[in-house]
């Protein structure tokens, strides 16, 4: 995955924004003011830190050496993913979407509705 593709994927999610609260070299992608992805897009090799359910985070780390505990983050809830090409693009996309969904699921319902988040529609069907 290229830096441009990573940025486009993150910003392609409803309501996602890119901020630079740490350094100008570190892109922080947020939704509803909460972080779901962090990446130094100019770094070589490229990596991204993503929020993850703790049990799934462990499974991903065991299955893929490119996925490690989040660097300078809560290692129970964050993974750092090396994007040098060996992970399937679909898996990377799924991890980014899952990280986004974890954040949106905790936002107030009115924000979820504004984002047209599928999870809020599913909860309406109950």
C-alpha atoms as a PDB file:
ATOM      1  CA  UNK A   1       0.000   0.000   0.000  1.00  0.00           C
ATOM      2  CA  UNK A   2       1.263   3.455  -0.847  1.00  0.00           C
ATOM      3  CA  UNK A   3       1.030   6.483   1.433  1.00  0.00           C
ATOM      4  CA  UNK A   4      -1.496   8.061  -0.942  1.00  0.00           C
ATOM      5  CA  UNK A   5      -3.639   4.912  -0.925  1.00  0.00           C
ATOM      6  CA  UNK A   6      -3.546   4.734   2.885  1.00  0.00           C
ATOM      7  CA  UNK A   7      -4.527   8.392   3.186  1.00  0.00           C
ATOM      8  CA  UNK A   8      -7.314   8.020   0.618  1.00  0.00           C
ATOM      9  CA  UNK A   9      -8.666   4.924   2.358  1.00  0.00           C
ATOM     10  CA  UNK A  10      -8.749   6.645   5.759  1.00  0.00           C
ATOM     11  CA  UNK A  11     -10.237   9.884   4.422  1.00  0.00           C
ATOM     12  CA  UNK A  12     -12.758   7.951   2.318  1.00  0.00           C
ATOM     13  CA  UNK A  13     -14.620   6.924   5.467  1.00  0.00           C
ATOM     14  CA  UNK A  14     -17.595   9.151   6.337  1.00  0.00           C
ATOM     15  CA  UNK A  15     -16.624  12.087   8.522  1.00  0.00           C
ATOM     16  CA  UNK A  16     -12.916  11.210   8.638  1.00  0.00           C
ATOM     17  CA  UNK A  17     -10.435  14.055   8.971  1.00  0.00           C
ATOM     18  CA  UNK A  18      -6.660  14.306   8.943  1.00  0.00           C
ATOM     19  CA  UNK A  19      -4.980  16.288  11.696  1.00  0.00           C
ATOM     20  CA  UNK A  20      -1.397  16.846  12.845  1.00  0.00           C
ATOM     21  CA  UNK A  21      -1.512  17.163  16.664  1.00  0.00           C
ATOM     22  CA  UNK A  22       1.899  15.557  17.275  1.00  0.00           C
ATOM     23  CA  UNK A  23       4.196  16.590  14.420  1.00  0.00           C
ATOM     24  CA  UNK A  24       3.731  17.764  10.845  1.00  0.00           C
ATOM     25  CA  UNK A  25       5.101  14.378   9.727  1.00  0.00           C
ATOM     26  CA  UNK A  26       2.496  12.325  11.611  1.00  0.00           C
ATOM     27  CA  UNK A  27      -0.985  12.102  10.101  1.00  0.00           C
ATOM     28  CA  UNK A  28      -3.685  11.424  12.676  1.00  0.00           C
ATOM     29  CA  UNK A  29      -6.993  10.316  11.193  1.00  0.00           C
ATOM     30  CA  UNK A  30     -10.049  11.024  13.325  1.00  0.00           C
ATOM     31  CA  UNK A  31     -13.802  10.632  13.264  1.00  0.00           C
ATOM     32  CA  UNK A  32     -15.972  12.543  15.700  1.00  0.00           C
ATOM     33  CA  UNK A  33     -12.792  14.036  17.166  1.00  0.00           C
ATOM     34  CA  UNK A  34     -11.445  10.573  18.129  1.00  0.00           C
ATOM     35  CA  UNK A  35      -8.374   8.870  16.633  1.00  0.00           C
ATOM     36  CA  UNK A  36      -8.779   5.720  14.538  1.00  0.00           C
ATOM     37  CA  UNK A  37      -5.460   5.698  12.602  1.00  0.00           C
ATOM     38  CA  UNK A  38      -1.975   7.173  12.980  1.00  0.00           C
ATOM     39  CA  UNK A  39       0.750   7.104  10.340  1.00  0.00           C
ATOM     40  CA  UNK A  40       3.946   8.878   9.375  1.00  0.00           C
ATOM     41  CA  UNK A  41       3.087   8.810   5.679  1.00  0.00           C
ATOM     42  CA  UNK A  42       6.637   9.717   4.618  1.00  0.00           C
ATOM     43  CA  UNK A  43       8.226   6.914   6.665  1.00  0.00           C
ATOM     44  CA  UNK A  44      10.071   4.055   5.028  1.00  0.00           C
ATOM     45  CA  UNK A  45       8.809   1.475   5.664  1.00  0.00           C
ATOM     46  CA  UNK A  46       5.238   2.724   5.814  1.00  0.00           C
ATOM     47  CA  UNK A  47       3.149   1.639   8.800  1.00  0.00           C
ATOM     48  CA  UNK A  48      -0.156   2.558  10.397  1.00  0.00           C
ATOM     49  CA  UNK A  49      -1.383   2.191  13.958  1.00  0.00           C
ATOM     50  CA  UNK A  50      -5.000   1.071  14.274  1.00  0.00           C
ATOM     51  CA  UNK A  51      -7.410   0.476  17.124  1.00  0.00           C
ATOM     52  CA  UNK A  52      -8.511  -3.142  17.511  1.00  0.00           C
ATOM     53  CA  UNK A  53     -10.580  -5.364  19.793  1.00  0.00           C
ATOM     54  CA  UNK A  54      -8.060  -6.870  22.264  1.00  0.00           C
ATOM     55  CA  UNK A  55      -8.746 -10.538  21.428  1.00  0.00           C
ATOM     56  CA  UNK A  56      -8.616  -9.874  17.695  1.00  0.00           C
ATOM     57  CA  UNK A  57      -5.439  -7.811  18.131  1.00  0.00           C
ATOM     58  CA  UNK A  58      -3.714 -10.822  19.676  1.00  0.00           C
ATOM     59  CA  UNK A  59      -4.939 -13.157  16.925  1.00  0.00           C
ATOM     60  CA  UNK A  60      -3.700 -10.794  14.207  1.00  0.00           C
ATOM     61  CA  UNK A  61      -0.286 -10.485  15.871  1.00  0.00           C
ATOM     62  CA  UNK A  62       0.036 -14.256  16.131  1.00  0.00           C
ATOM     63  CA  UNK A  63      -0.958 -14.787  12.493  1.00  0.00           C
ATOM     64  CA  UNK A  64       1.065 -11.968  10.887  1.00  0.00           C
ATOM     65  CA  UNK A  65       4.589 -10.886  11.861  1.00  0.00           C
ATOM     66  CA  UNK A  66       3.869  -7.510  10.170  1.00  0.00           C
ATOM     67  CA  UNK A  67       1.334  -6.724  12.919  1.00  0.00           C
ATOM     68  CA  UNK A  68       2.807  -5.779  16.286  1.00  0.00           C
ATOM     69  CA  UNK A  69       1.553  -4.128  19.482  1.00  0.00           C
ATOM     70  CA  UNK A  70       0.851  -0.428  18.972  1.00  0.00           C
ATOM     71  CA  UNK A  71       4.003   1.640  19.126  1.00  0.00           C
ATOM     72  CA  UNK A  72       3.717   4.255  21.921  1.00  0.00           C
ATOM     73  CA  UNK A  73       0.031   3.319  22.345  1.00  0.00           C
ATOM     74  CA  UNK A  74      -2.049   1.114  24.608  1.00  0.00           C
ATOM     75  CA  UNK A  75      -0.790  -2.254  23.383  1.00  0.00           C
ATOM     76  CA  UNK A  76      -4.003  -3.991  24.441  1.00  0.00           C
ATOM     77  CA  UNK A  77      -6.132  -1.894  22.080  1.00  0.00           C
ATOM     78  CA  UNK A  78      -3.769  -0.802  19.301  1.00  0.00           C
ATOM     79  CA  UNK A  79      -1.768  -2.604  16.611  1.00  0.00           C
ATOM     80  CA  UNK A  80       0.953  -1.175  14.410  1.00  0.00           C
ATOM     81  CA  UNK A  81       0.750  -2.627  10.911  1.00  0.00           C
ATOM     82  CA  UNK A  82       3.770  -2.687   8.599  1.00  0.00           C
ATOM     83  CA  UNK A  83       2.587  -1.913   5.048  1.00  0.00           C
ATOM     84  CA  UNK A  84       5.509  -3.166   2.976  1.00  0.00           C
ATOM     85  CA  UNK A  85       3.348  -5.336   0.726  1.00  0.00           C
ATOM     86  CA  UNK A  86       3.107  -8.778   2.292  1.00  0.00           C
ATOM     87  CA  UNK A  87      -0.320  -8.317   3.904  1.00  0.00           C
ATOM     88  CA  UNK A  88      -3.328  -8.655   1.598  1.00  0.00           C
ATOM     89  CA  UNK A  89      -4.829  -5.257   0.740  1.00  0.00           C
ATOM     90  CA  UNK A  90      -8.253  -6.535   1.787  1.00  0.00           C
ATOM     91  CA  UNK A  91      -6.995  -7.347   5.281  1.00  0.00           C
ATOM     92  CA  UNK A  92      -5.464  -3.891   5.659  1.00  0.00           C
ATOM     93  CA  UNK A  93      -8.678  -2.263   4.457  1.00  0.00           C
ATOM     94  CA  UNK A  94     -10.698  -4.394   6.886  1.00  0.00           C
ATOM     95  CA  UNK A  95      -8.453  -3.437   9.824  1.00  0.00           C
ATOM     96  CA  UNK A  96      -8.813   0.277   8.986  1.00  0.00           C
ATOM     97  CA  UNK A  97     -12.599  -0.046   8.702  1.00  0.00           C
ATOM     98  CA  UNK A  98     -12.748  -2.010  11.970  1.00  0.00           C
ATOM     99  CA  UNK A  99     -10.725   0.675  13.751  1.00  0.00           C
ATOM    100  CA  UNK A 100     -13.083   3.358  12.399  1.00  0.00           C
ATOM    101  CA  UNK A 101     -16.131   1.293  13.449  1.00  0.00           C
ATOM    102  CA  UNK A 102     -14.791   0.869  17.000  1.00  0.00           C
ATOM    103  CA  UNK A 103     -14.597   4.645  17.331  1.00  0.00           C
ATOM    104  CA  UNK A 104     -17.952   5.402  15.685  1.00  0.00           C
ATOM    105  CA  UNK A 105     -19.703   2.775  17.827  1.00  0.00           C
ATOM    106  CA  UNK A 106     -18.813   4.839  20.911  1.00  0.00           C
ATOM    107  CA  UNK A 107     -19.962   8.173  19.485  1.00  0.00           C
ATOM    108  CA  UNK A 108     -23.357   9.580  20.443  1.00  0.00           C
ATOM    109  CA  UNK A 109     -26.229   8.231  18.358  1.00  0.00           C
ATOM    110  CA  UNK A 110     -26.863  11.583  16.660  1.00  0.00           C
ATOM    111  CA  UNK A 111     -23.263  11.635  15.389  1.00  0.00           C
ATOM    112  CA  UNK A 112     -23.619   8.054  14.144  1.00  0.00           C
ATOM    113  CA  UNK A 113     -26.733   9.078  12.215  1.00  0.00           C
ATOM    114  CA  UNK A 114     -24.982  12.100  10.685  1.00  0.00           C
ATOM    115  CA  UNK A 115     -22.161   9.770   9.572  1.00  0.00           C
ATOM    116  CA  UNK A 116     -24.751   7.390   8.082  1.00  0.00           C
ATOM    117  CA  UNK A 117     -22.950   4.605   9.927  1.00  0.00           C
ATOM    118  CA  UNK A 118     -24.333   1.132   9.087  1.00  0.00           C
ATOM    119  CA  UNK A 119     -24.059   0.062  12.750  1.00  0.00           C
ATOM    120  CA  UNK A 120     -26.713   2.554  13.828  1.00  0.00           C
ATOM    121  CA  UNK A 121     -29.047   1.311  11.095  1.00  0.00           C
ATOM    122  CA  UNK A 122     -28.548  -2.266  12.318  1.00  0.00           C
ATOM    123  CA  UNK A 123     -29.443  -1.235  15.871  1.00  0.00           C
ATOM    124  CA  UNK A 124     -32.660   0.378  14.555  1.00  0.00           C
ATOM    125  CA  UNK A 125     -33.732  -2.973  13.088  1.00  0.00           C
ATOM    126  CA  UNK A 126     -33.910  -4.654  16.524  1.00  0.00           C
END
